[in-house]
């Protein structure tokens, strides 16, 4: 497993380069992305694509090649394989077949983001990407409502606005660090609150890859009642998904405890 740069190609380690140069073939998440890395360092090796939707079939092919005597370097598009990445399945398959697995460590986005965020990082929980499935997403966040450790999420630009709204709806107004484009030219850290982050991105188009670092619940913090603003946000999302205004107000009222009439008034 070879860690690759999370943005700046100059971060690639000498050992990482040597490992790719000595491998018989390279298993890559996106061969086009890995080709850029190889070209940068003048490395020429056969590439085999290995990603979420072909991992079962390709995993067996890769293992067969290794068992026949070849050695493989596994890379992801950025960072360490297996972190929010299907490489975990390949490592497990190798372990089951008695194949030795070694690591060549490199940068990871969540650790790098925590280090420059200024958020509490003595204890934290890495939550990766939230599900695109609405029920699964809600279930995931509901499980974290009373989490006292700092929480770290990954998010793509096209889903950032929805994710910030979901985080605000679930956790109310907590501190957040919105970290983007790590190690790249436009790297930035925005320390703010969930409410302010939602408001900011109403008028800004998210660009780049994001790491979201959210403060955990205070140990002595009692669950705060939902606000009218949060209830209306919930209702608007329901309307956007196709529900009638009346039904959305009723559903949001049941979920938040806010009067249906007050929510309905804000919707019309």
C-alpha atoms as a PDB file:
ATOM      1  CA  UNK A   1       0.000   0.000   0.000  1.00  0.00           C
ATOM      2  CA  UNK A   2       1.609   3.230  -1.150  1.00  0.00           C
ATOM      3  CA  UNK A   3       0.437   6.608   0.110  1.00  0.00           C
ATOM      4  CA  UNK A   4       0.336   9.250  -2.616  1.00  0.00           C
ATOM      5  CA  UNK A   5       0.214  13.071  -2.370  1.00  0.00           C
ATOM      6  CA  UNK A   6      -3.153  14.588  -1.440  1.00  0.00           C
ATOM      7  CA  UNK A   7      -2.524  17.577  -3.701  1.00  0.00           C
ATOM      8  CA  UNK A   8       1.062  18.735  -4.060  1.00  0.00           C
ATOM      9  CA  UNK A   9       3.019  16.109  -5.994  1.00  0.00           C
ATOM     10  CA  UNK A  10       6.244  17.278  -4.342  1.00  0.00           C
ATOM     11  CA  UNK A  11       5.030  15.555  -1.158  1.00  0.00           C
ATOM     12  CA  UNK A  12       5.600  12.112  -2.683  1.00  0.00           C
ATOM     13  CA  UNK A  13       8.186  10.273  -0.596  1.00  0.00           C
ATOM     14  CA  UNK A  14      11.434   8.842  -1.934  1.00  0.00           C
ATOM     15  CA  UNK A  15      10.423   5.413  -0.675  1.00  0.00           C
ATOM     16  CA  UNK A  16       7.069   5.742  -2.452  1.00  0.00           C
ATOM     17  CA  UNK A  17       8.813   6.445  -5.757  1.00  0.00           C
ATOM     18  CA  UNK A  18      11.214   3.535  -5.277  1.00  0.00           C
ATOM     19  CA  UNK A  19       8.322   1.181  -4.465  1.00  0.00           C
ATOM     20  CA  UNK A  20       6.407   2.084  -7.614  1.00  0.00           C
ATOM     21  CA  UNK A  21       9.567   1.727  -9.682  1.00  0.00           C
ATOM     22  CA  UNK A  22      10.225  -1.771  -8.306  1.00  0.00           C
ATOM     23  CA  UNK A  23       6.624  -3.065  -8.566  1.00  0.00           C
ATOM     24  CA  UNK A  24       5.685  -5.423 -11.391  1.00  0.00           C
ATOM     25  CA  UNK A  25       2.351  -3.634 -11.751  1.00  0.00           C
ATOM     26  CA  UNK A  26       0.304  -0.925 -10.024  1.00  0.00           C
ATOM     27  CA  UNK A  27      -3.346  -1.221  -8.952  1.00  0.00           C
ATOM     28  CA  UNK A  28      -4.894   2.252  -9.117  1.00  0.00           C
ATOM     29  CA  UNK A  29      -8.274   3.779  -8.278  1.00  0.00           C
ATOM     30  CA  UNK A  30      -8.226   5.935 -11.422  1.00  0.00           C
ATOM     31  CA  UNK A  31      -5.458   5.036 -13.853  1.00  0.00           C
ATOM     32  CA  UNK A  32      -5.624   8.517 -15.446  1.00  0.00           C
ATOM     33  CA  UNK A  33      -4.870  10.204 -12.117  1.00  0.00           C
ATOM     34  CA  UNK A  34      -2.066   7.764 -11.304  1.00  0.00           C
ATOM     35  CA  UNK A  35      -0.601   8.185 -14.794  1.00  0.00           C
ATOM     36  CA  UNK A  36      -0.011  11.879 -14.010  1.00  0.00           C
ATOM     37  CA  UNK A  37       1.928  10.906 -10.888  1.00  0.00           C
ATOM     38  CA  UNK A  38       3.971   8.325 -12.777  1.00  0.00           C
ATOM     39  CA  UNK A  39       4.728  10.772 -15.578  1.00  0.00           C
ATOM     40  CA  UNK A  40       5.885  13.385 -13.068  1.00  0.00           C
ATOM     41  CA  UNK A  41       8.551  10.992 -11.793  1.00  0.00           C
ATOM     42  CA  UNK A  42       9.242   9.206 -15.107  1.00  0.00           C
ATOM     43  CA  UNK A  43       7.963   5.859 -13.823  1.00  0.00           C
ATOM     44  CA  UNK A  44       6.704   3.388 -16.424  1.00  0.00           C
ATOM     45  CA  UNK A  45       4.695   0.442 -15.072  1.00  0.00           C
ATOM     46  CA  UNK A  46       1.559  -1.479 -16.144  1.00  0.00           C
ATOM     47  CA  UNK A  47      -1.597  -0.134 -14.505  1.00  0.00           C
ATOM     48  CA  UNK A  48      -4.653  -2.126 -13.424  1.00  0.00           C
ATOM     49  CA  UNK A  49      -7.786  -0.210 -12.453  1.00  0.00           C
ATOM     50  CA  UNK A  50      -9.189  -1.117  -9.057  1.00  0.00           C
ATOM     51  CA  UNK A  51     -12.120   0.910  -7.721  1.00  0.00           C
ATOM     52  CA  UNK A  52     -15.443   0.591  -5.936  1.00  0.00           C
ATOM     53  CA  UNK A  53     -17.460  -0.892  -8.809  1.00  0.00           C
ATOM     54  CA  UNK A  54     -14.963  -3.487 -10.044  1.00  0.00           C
ATOM     55  CA  UNK A  55     -13.221  -4.386  -6.770  1.00  0.00           C
ATOM     56  CA  UNK A  56     -14.552  -7.959  -6.510  1.00  0.00           C
ATOM     57  CA  UNK A  57     -13.628  -9.009 -10.033  1.00  0.00           C
ATOM     58  CA  UNK A  58     -10.331  -7.101 -10.157  1.00  0.00           C
ATOM     59  CA  UNK A  59      -9.395  -8.141  -6.637  1.00  0.00           C
ATOM     60  CA  UNK A  60      -9.296 -11.790  -7.717  1.00  0.00           C
ATOM     61  CA  UNK A  61      -7.267 -10.920 -10.823  1.00  0.00           C
ATOM     62  CA  UNK A  62      -4.754  -8.917  -8.800  1.00  0.00           C
ATOM     63  CA  UNK A  63      -4.396 -11.661  -6.185  1.00  0.00           C
ATOM     64  CA  UNK A  64      -3.867 -14.279  -8.910  1.00  0.00           C
ATOM     65  CA  UNK A  65      -1.068 -12.207 -10.419  1.00  0.00           C
ATOM     66  CA  UNK A  66       0.590 -11.832  -7.016  1.00  0.00           C
ATOM     67  CA  UNK A  67       0.309 -15.559  -6.290  1.00  0.00           C
ATOM     68  CA  UNK A  68       1.953 -16.251  -9.648  1.00  0.00           C
ATOM     69  CA  UNK A  69       5.045 -14.354  -8.473  1.00  0.00           C
ATOM     70  CA  UNK A  70       4.441 -10.691  -9.324  1.00  0.00           C
ATOM     71  CA  UNK A  71       4.411  -7.905  -6.765  1.00  0.00           C
ATOM     72  CA  UNK A  72       1.805  -5.155  -6.769  1.00  0.00           C
ATOM     73  CA  UNK A  73       1.752  -1.570  -5.516  1.00  0.00           C
ATOM     74  CA  UNK A  74      -1.720  -0.375  -4.528  1.00  0.00           C
ATOM     75  CA  UNK A  75      -2.433   3.355  -4.758  1.00  0.00           C
ATOM     76  CA  UNK A  76      -5.498   5.529  -4.458  1.00  0.00           C
ATOM     77  CA  UNK A  77      -6.062   8.868  -6.228  1.00  0.00           C
ATOM     78  CA  UNK A  78      -4.814  10.796  -3.191  1.00  0.00           C
ATOM     79  CA  UNK A  79      -3.637   9.795   0.264  1.00  0.00           C
ATOM     80  CA  UNK A  80      -3.444   6.370   1.856  1.00  0.00           C
ATOM     81  CA  UNK A  81      -5.224   3.380   0.317  1.00  0.00           C
ATOM     82  CA  UNK A  82      -8.078   1.955   2.424  1.00  0.00           C
ATOM     83  CA  UNK A  83      -9.065   5.322   3.965  1.00  0.00           C
ATOM     84  CA  UNK A  84     -12.550   5.886   2.472  1.00  0.00           C
ATOM     85  CA  UNK A  85     -11.301   3.668  -0.339  1.00  0.00           C
ATOM     86  CA  UNK A  86     -12.018   0.088  -1.578  1.00  0.00           C
ATOM     87  CA  UNK A  87      -8.382  -0.862  -1.026  1.00  0.00           C
ATOM     88  CA  UNK A  88      -9.540  -2.266   2.300  1.00  0.00           C
ATOM     89  CA  UNK A  89     -11.155  -5.190   0.475  1.00  0.00           C
ATOM     90  CA  UNK A  90      -7.982  -5.978  -1.463  1.00  0.00           C
ATOM     91  CA  UNK A  91      -5.863  -5.948   1.705  1.00  0.00           C
ATOM     92  CA  UNK A  92      -8.325  -8.306   3.399  1.00  0.00           C
ATOM     93  CA  UNK A  93      -8.304 -10.609   0.359  1.00  0.00           C
ATOM     94  CA  UNK A  94      -4.507 -10.710   0.431  1.00  0.00           C
ATOM     95  CA  UNK A  95      -4.487 -11.492   4.140  1.00  0.00           C
ATOM     96  CA  UNK A  96      -6.940 -14.353   3.578  1.00  0.00           C
ATOM     97  CA  UNK A  97      -4.716 -15.793   0.825  1.00  0.00           C
ATOM     98  CA  UNK A  98      -1.552 -15.533   2.930  1.00  0.00           C
ATOM     99  CA  UNK A  99      -0.078 -12.700   0.899  1.00  0.00           C
ATOM    100  CA  UNK A 100       2.178 -10.312   2.837  1.00  0.00           C
ATOM    101  CA  UNK A 101       0.997  -6.694   2.839  1.00  0.00           C
ATOM    102  CA  UNK A 102       3.409  -3.846   3.542  1.00  0.00           C
ATOM    103  CA  UNK A 103       2.769  -0.133   3.906  1.00  0.00           C
ATOM    104  CA  UNK A 104       4.618   2.841   2.466  1.00  0.00           C
ATOM    105  CA  UNK A 105       2.928   5.640   4.416  1.00  0.00           C
ATOM    106  CA  UNK A 106       1.994   8.987   2.963  1.00  0.00           C
ATOM    107  CA  UNK A 107      -0.252  11.970   3.688  1.00  0.00           C
ATOM    108  CA  UNK A 108      -3.879  11.580   4.755  1.00  0.00           C
ATOM    109  CA  UNK A 109      -6.371  14.399   4.332  1.00  0.00           C
ATOM    110  CA  UNK A 110      -8.139  14.002   7.680  1.00  0.00           C
ATOM    111  CA  UNK A 111      -4.915  14.169   9.743  1.00  0.00           C
ATOM    112  CA  UNK A 112      -3.555  17.077   7.710  1.00  0.00           C
ATOM    113  CA  UNK A 113      -6.841  18.984   8.041  1.00  0.00           C
ATOM    114  CA  UNK A 114      -6.993  18.409  11.796  1.00  0.00           C
ATOM    115  CA  UNK A 115      -3.431  19.639  12.204  1.00  0.00           C
ATOM    116  CA  UNK A 116      -4.105  23.019  10.575  1.00  0.00           C
ATOM    117  CA  UNK A 117      -7.707  23.527  11.737  1.00  0.00           C
ATOM    118  CA  UNK A 118      -7.041  24.554  15.323  1.00  0.00           C
ATOM    119  CA  UNK A 119      -9.942  22.329  16.398  1.00  0.00           C
ATOM    120  CA  UNK A 120      -9.658  19.927  19.337  1.00  0.00           C
ATOM    121  CA  UNK A 121      -7.799  16.881  18.020  1.00  0.00           C
ATOM    122  CA  UNK A 122      -6.749  14.996  21.159  1.00  0.00           C
ATOM    123  CA  UNK A 123      -9.647  12.643  20.469  1.00  0.00           C
ATOM    124  CA  UNK A 124     -11.591  12.501  17.241  1.00  0.00           C
ATOM    125  CA  UNK A 125     -13.716  10.188  15.129  1.00  0.00           C
ATOM    126  CA  UNK A 126     -13.286   9.859  11.376  1.00  0.00           C
ATOM    127  CA  UNK A 127     -16.672   9.527   9.656  1.00  0.00           C
ATOM    128  CA  UNK A 128     -15.602   9.718   5.994  1.00  0.00           C
ATOM    129  CA  UNK A 129     -18.244  10.465   3.370  1.00  0.00           C
ATOM    130  CA  UNK A 130     -21.906  10.562   4.352  1.00  0.00           C
ATOM    131  CA  UNK A 131     -24.251   8.351   2.360  1.00  0.00           C
ATOM    132  CA  UNK A 132     -26.035   9.894  -0.631  1.00  0.00           C
ATOM    133  CA  UNK A 133     -29.056   7.858   0.462  1.00  0.00           C
ATOM    134  CA  UNK A 134     -31.238  10.192   2.554  1.00  0.00           C
ATOM    135  CA  UNK A 135     -32.418   7.627   5.153  1.00  0.00           C
ATOM    136  CA  UNK A 136     -28.892   6.218   5.544  1.00  0.00           C
ATOM    137  CA  UNK A 137     -27.489   9.723   5.864  1.00  0.00           C
ATOM    138  CA  UNK A 138     -29.997  10.656   8.560  1.00  0.00           C
ATOM    139  CA  UNK A 139     -29.354   7.432  10.472  1.00  0.00           C
ATOM    140  CA  UNK A 140     -25.597   8.056  10.394  1.00  0.00           C
ATOM    141  CA  UNK A 141     -25.967  11.601  11.750  1.00  0.00           C
ATOM    142  CA  UNK A 142     -28.532  10.591  14.371  1.00  0.00           C
ATOM    143  CA  UNK A 143     -25.984   8.123  15.770  1.00  0.00           C
ATOM    144  CA  UNK A 144     -23.548  11.007  16.231  1.00  0.00           C
ATOM    145  CA  UNK A 145     -25.817  13.483  18.028  1.00  0.00           C
ATOM    146  CA  UNK A 146     -24.259  12.760  21.420  1.00  0.00           C
ATOM    147  CA  UNK A 147     -20.707  12.154  20.161  1.00  0.00           C
ATOM    148  CA  UNK A 148     -18.336  14.195  22.343  1.00  0.00           C
ATOM    149  CA  UNK A 149     -15.237  13.720  20.189  1.00  0.00           C
ATOM    150  CA  UNK A 150     -14.385  16.002  17.286  1.00  0.00           C
ATOM    151  CA  UNK A 151     -15.911  14.590  14.089  1.00  0.00           C
ATOM    152  CA  UNK A 152     -14.217  14.578  10.687  1.00  0.00           C
ATOM    153  CA  UNK A 153     -16.116  14.231   7.402  1.00  0.00           C
ATOM    154  CA  UNK A 154     -15.074  14.257   3.745  1.00  0.00           C
ATOM    155  CA  UNK A 155     -17.261  15.950   1.162  1.00  0.00           C
ATOM    156  CA  UNK A 156     -17.297  16.699  -2.564  1.00  0.00           C
ATOM    157  CA  UNK A 157     -18.077  20.266  -3.703  1.00  0.00           C
ATOM    158  CA  UNK A 158     -21.400  19.437  -5.369  1.00  0.00           C
ATOM    159  CA  UNK A 159     -22.768  17.969  -2.110  1.00  0.00           C
ATOM    160  CA  UNK A 160     -21.272  20.446   0.362  1.00  0.00           C
ATOM    161  CA  UNK A 161     -24.282  22.744   0.730  1.00  0.00           C
ATOM    162  CA  UNK A 162     -26.673  19.876   1.457  1.00  0.00           C
ATOM    163  CA  UNK A 163     -24.228  18.318   3.917  1.00  0.00           C
ATOM    164  CA  UNK A 164     -23.762  21.553   5.858  1.00  0.00           C
ATOM    165  CA  UNK A 165     -27.539  21.920   6.129  1.00  0.00           C
ATOM    166  CA  UNK A 166     -27.864  18.330   7.353  1.00  0.00           C
ATOM    167  CA  UNK A 167     -25.105  18.857   9.935  1.00  0.00           C
ATOM    168  CA  UNK A 168     -26.749  22.043  11.197  1.00  0.00           C
ATOM    169  CA  UNK A 169     -30.142  20.388  11.351  1.00  0.00           C
ATOM    170  CA  UNK A 170     -28.729  17.463  13.343  1.00  0.00           C
ATOM    171  CA  UNK A 171     -26.188  19.147  15.628  1.00  0.00           C
ATOM    172  CA  UNK A 172     -27.642  22.665  15.914  1.00  0.00           C
ATOM    173  CA  UNK A 173     -25.067  25.463  15.949  1.00  0.00           C
ATOM    174  CA  UNK A 174     -21.599  24.136  16.731  1.00  0.00           C
ATOM    175  CA  UNK A 175     -18.090  25.140  15.728  1.00  0.00           C
ATOM    176  CA  UNK A 176     -16.834  23.843  12.407  1.00  0.00           C
ATOM    177  CA  UNK A 177     -13.650  24.127  10.371  1.00  0.00           C
ATOM    178  CA  UNK A 178     -14.252  23.960   6.626  1.00  0.00           C
ATOM    179  CA  UNK A 179     -10.924  22.913   5.109  1.00  0.00           C
ATOM    180  CA  UNK A 180     -10.430  22.753   1.356  1.00  0.00           C
ATOM    181  CA  UNK A 181      -7.787  21.990  -1.270  1.00  0.00           C
ATOM    182  CA  UNK A 182      -5.166  20.708   1.148  1.00  0.00           C
ATOM    183  CA  UNK A 183      -1.541  21.268   0.023  1.00  0.00           C
ATOM    184  CA  UNK A 184      -2.746  22.976  -3.167  1.00  0.00           C
ATOM    185  CA  UNK A 185      -2.547  26.643  -4.207  1.00  0.00           C
ATOM    186  CA  UNK A 186      -6.022  27.466  -2.907  1.00  0.00           C
ATOM    187  CA  UNK A 187      -5.717  25.652   0.438  1.00  0.00           C
ATOM    188  CA  UNK A 188      -7.848  27.363   3.066  1.00  0.00           C
ATOM    189  CA  UNK A 189      -9.341  26.884   6.520  1.00  0.00           C
ATOM    190  CA  UNK A 190     -12.571  28.623   7.487  1.00  0.00           C
ATOM    191  CA  UNK A 191     -13.294  28.501  11.223  1.00  0.00           C
ATOM    192  CA  UNK A 192     -16.913  29.346  11.809  1.00  0.00           C
ATOM    193  CA  UNK A 193     -20.187  27.851  13.065  1.00  0.00           C
ATOM    194  CA  UNK A 194     -22.527  25.491  11.262  1.00  0.00           C
ATOM    195  CA  UNK A 195     -25.180  28.192  10.929  1.00  0.00           C
ATOM    196  CA  UNK A 196     -22.726  30.701   9.485  1.00  0.00           C
ATOM    197  CA  UNK A 197     -21.289  28.071   7.143  1.00  0.00           C
ATOM    198  CA  UNK A 198     -24.767  27.299   5.771  1.00  0.00           C
ATOM    199  CA  UNK A 199     -25.402  31.015   5.242  1.00  0.00           C
ATOM    200  CA  UNK A 200     -22.005  31.608   3.631  1.00  0.00           C
ATOM    201  CA  UNK A 201     -22.404  28.877   1.035  1.00  0.00           C
ATOM    202  CA  UNK A 202     -25.886  30.050   0.090  1.00  0.00           C
ATOM    203  CA  UNK A 203     -24.088  32.718  -1.939  1.00  0.00           C
ATOM    204  CA  UNK A 204     -20.829  30.931  -2.720  1.00  0.00           C
ATOM    205  CA  UNK A 205     -20.192  28.074  -5.128  1.00  0.00           C
ATOM    206  CA  UNK A 206     -18.104  25.363  -3.421  1.00  0.00           C
ATOM    207  CA  UNK A 207     -14.926  24.497  -5.318  1.00  0.00           C
ATOM    208  CA  UNK A 208     -12.388  21.802  -4.520  1.00  0.00           C
ATOM    209  CA  UNK A 209     -12.386  18.854  -2.132  1.00  0.00           C
ATOM    210  CA  UNK A 210     -13.469  19.490   1.457  1.00  0.00           C
ATOM    211  CA  UNK A 211     -12.718  18.156   4.921  1.00  0.00           C
ATOM    212  CA  UNK A 212     -15.298  19.194   7.521  1.00  0.00           C
ATOM    213  CA  UNK A 213     -14.245  19.177  11.166  1.00  0.00           C
ATOM    214  CA  UNK A 214     -17.180  19.518  13.562  1.00  0.00           C
ATOM    215  CA  UNK A 215     -16.936  20.051  17.306  1.00  0.00           C
ATOM    216  CA  UNK A 216     -18.349  17.237  19.418  1.00  0.00           C
ATOM    217  CA  UNK A 217     -21.173  17.625  21.910  1.00  0.00           C
ATOM    218  CA  UNK A 218     -20.174  19.015  25.293  1.00  0.00           C
ATOM    219  CA  UNK A 219     -20.333  16.295  27.932  1.00  0.00           C
ATOM    220  CA  UNK A 220     -22.690  18.295  30.106  1.00  0.00           C
ATOM    221  CA  UNK A 221     -24.681  19.530  27.151  1.00  0.00           C
ATOM    222  CA  UNK A 222     -28.356  18.591  27.159  1.00  0.00           C
ATOM    223  CA  UNK A 223     -30.030  18.052  23.856  1.00  0.00           C
ATOM    224  CA  UNK A 224     -31.185  21.453  22.638  1.00  0.00           C
ATOM    225  CA  UNK A 225     -34.720  21.765  21.301  1.00  0.00           C
ATOM    226  CA  UNK A 226     -35.005  22.385  17.586  1.00  0.00           C
ATOM    227  CA  UNK A 227     -35.440  25.974  16.433  1.00  0.00           C
ATOM    228  CA  UNK A 228     -38.077  27.237  14.008  1.00  0.00           C
ATOM    229  CA  UNK A 229     -35.282  27.876  11.518  1.00  0.00           C
ATOM    230  CA  UNK A 230     -34.167  24.228  11.670  1.00  0.00           C
ATOM    231  CA  UNK A 231     -37.755  23.021  11.357  1.00  0.00           C
ATOM    232  CA  UNK A 232     -38.326  25.203   8.280  1.00  0.00           C
ATOM    233  CA  UNK A 233     -35.071  23.919   6.766  1.00  0.00           C
ATOM    234  CA  UNK A 234     -36.300  20.354   7.229  1.00  0.00           C
ATOM    235  CA  UNK A 235     -39.658  21.192   5.668  1.00  0.00           C
ATOM    236  CA  UNK A 236     -38.072  22.901   2.661  1.00  0.00           C
ATOM    237  CA  UNK A 237     -35.957  19.848   1.956  1.00  0.00           C
ATOM    238  CA  UNK A 238     -39.086  17.699   2.080  1.00  0.00           C
ATOM    239  CA  UNK A 239     -40.850  20.034  -0.368  1.00  0.00           C
ATOM    240  CA  UNK A 240     -37.823  19.911  -2.655  1.00  0.00           C
ATOM    241  CA  UNK A 241     -38.063  16.108  -2.639  1.00  0.00           C
ATOM    242  CA  UNK A 242     -41.665  16.298  -3.898  1.00  0.00           C
ATOM    243  CA  UNK A 243     -43.784  16.511  -0.745  1.00  0.00           C
ATOM    244  CA  UNK A 244     -46.641  19.019  -0.570  1.00  0.00           C
ATOM    245  CA  UNK A 245     -46.154  22.124   1.592  1.00  0.00           C
ATOM    246  CA  UNK A 246     -48.872  21.021   4.003  1.00  0.00           C
ATOM    247  CA  UNK A 247     -47.472  17.506   4.414  1.00  0.00           C
ATOM    248  CA  UNK A 248     -43.905  18.826   4.732  1.00  0.00           C
ATOM    249  CA  UNK A 249     -44.940  21.209   7.517  1.00  0.00           C
ATOM    250  CA  UNK A 250     -46.756  18.381   9.294  1.00  0.00           C
ATOM    251  CA  UNK A 251     -43.772  16.004   9.017  1.00  0.00           C
ATOM    252  CA  UNK A 252     -41.270  18.645  10.140  1.00  0.00           C
ATOM    253  CA  UNK A 253     -43.514  19.497  13.093  1.00  0.00           C
ATOM    254  CA  UNK A 254     -43.586  15.848  14.179  1.00  0.00           C
ATOM    255  CA  UNK A 255     -39.782  15.578  13.916  1.00  0.00           C
ATOM    256  CA  UNK A 256     -38.891  18.843  15.659  1.00  0.00           C
ATOM    257  CA  UNK A 257     -41.722  19.628  18.038  1.00  0.00           C
ATOM    258  CA  UNK A 258     -42.279  23.037  16.421  1.00  0.00           C
ATOM    259  CA  UNK A 259     -45.899  23.958  15.693  1.00  0.00           C
ATOM    260  CA  UNK A 260     -47.060  23.033  12.222  1.00  0.00           C
ATOM    261  CA  UNK A 261     -48.751  26.431  11.738  1.00  0.00           C
ATOM    262  CA  UNK A 262     -45.515  28.299  12.436  1.00  0.00           C
ATOM    263  CA  UNK A 263     -43.596  26.153   9.933  1.00  0.00           C
ATOM    264  CA  UNK A 264     -46.354  26.423   7.303  1.00  0.00           C
ATOM    265  CA  UNK A 265     -46.382  30.216   7.654  1.00  0.00           C
ATOM    266  CA  UNK A 266     -42.676  30.366   6.774  1.00  0.00           C
ATOM    267  CA  UNK A 267     -43.121  28.127   3.748  1.00  0.00           C
ATOM    268  CA  UNK A 268     -45.897  30.060   2.000  1.00  0.00           C
END
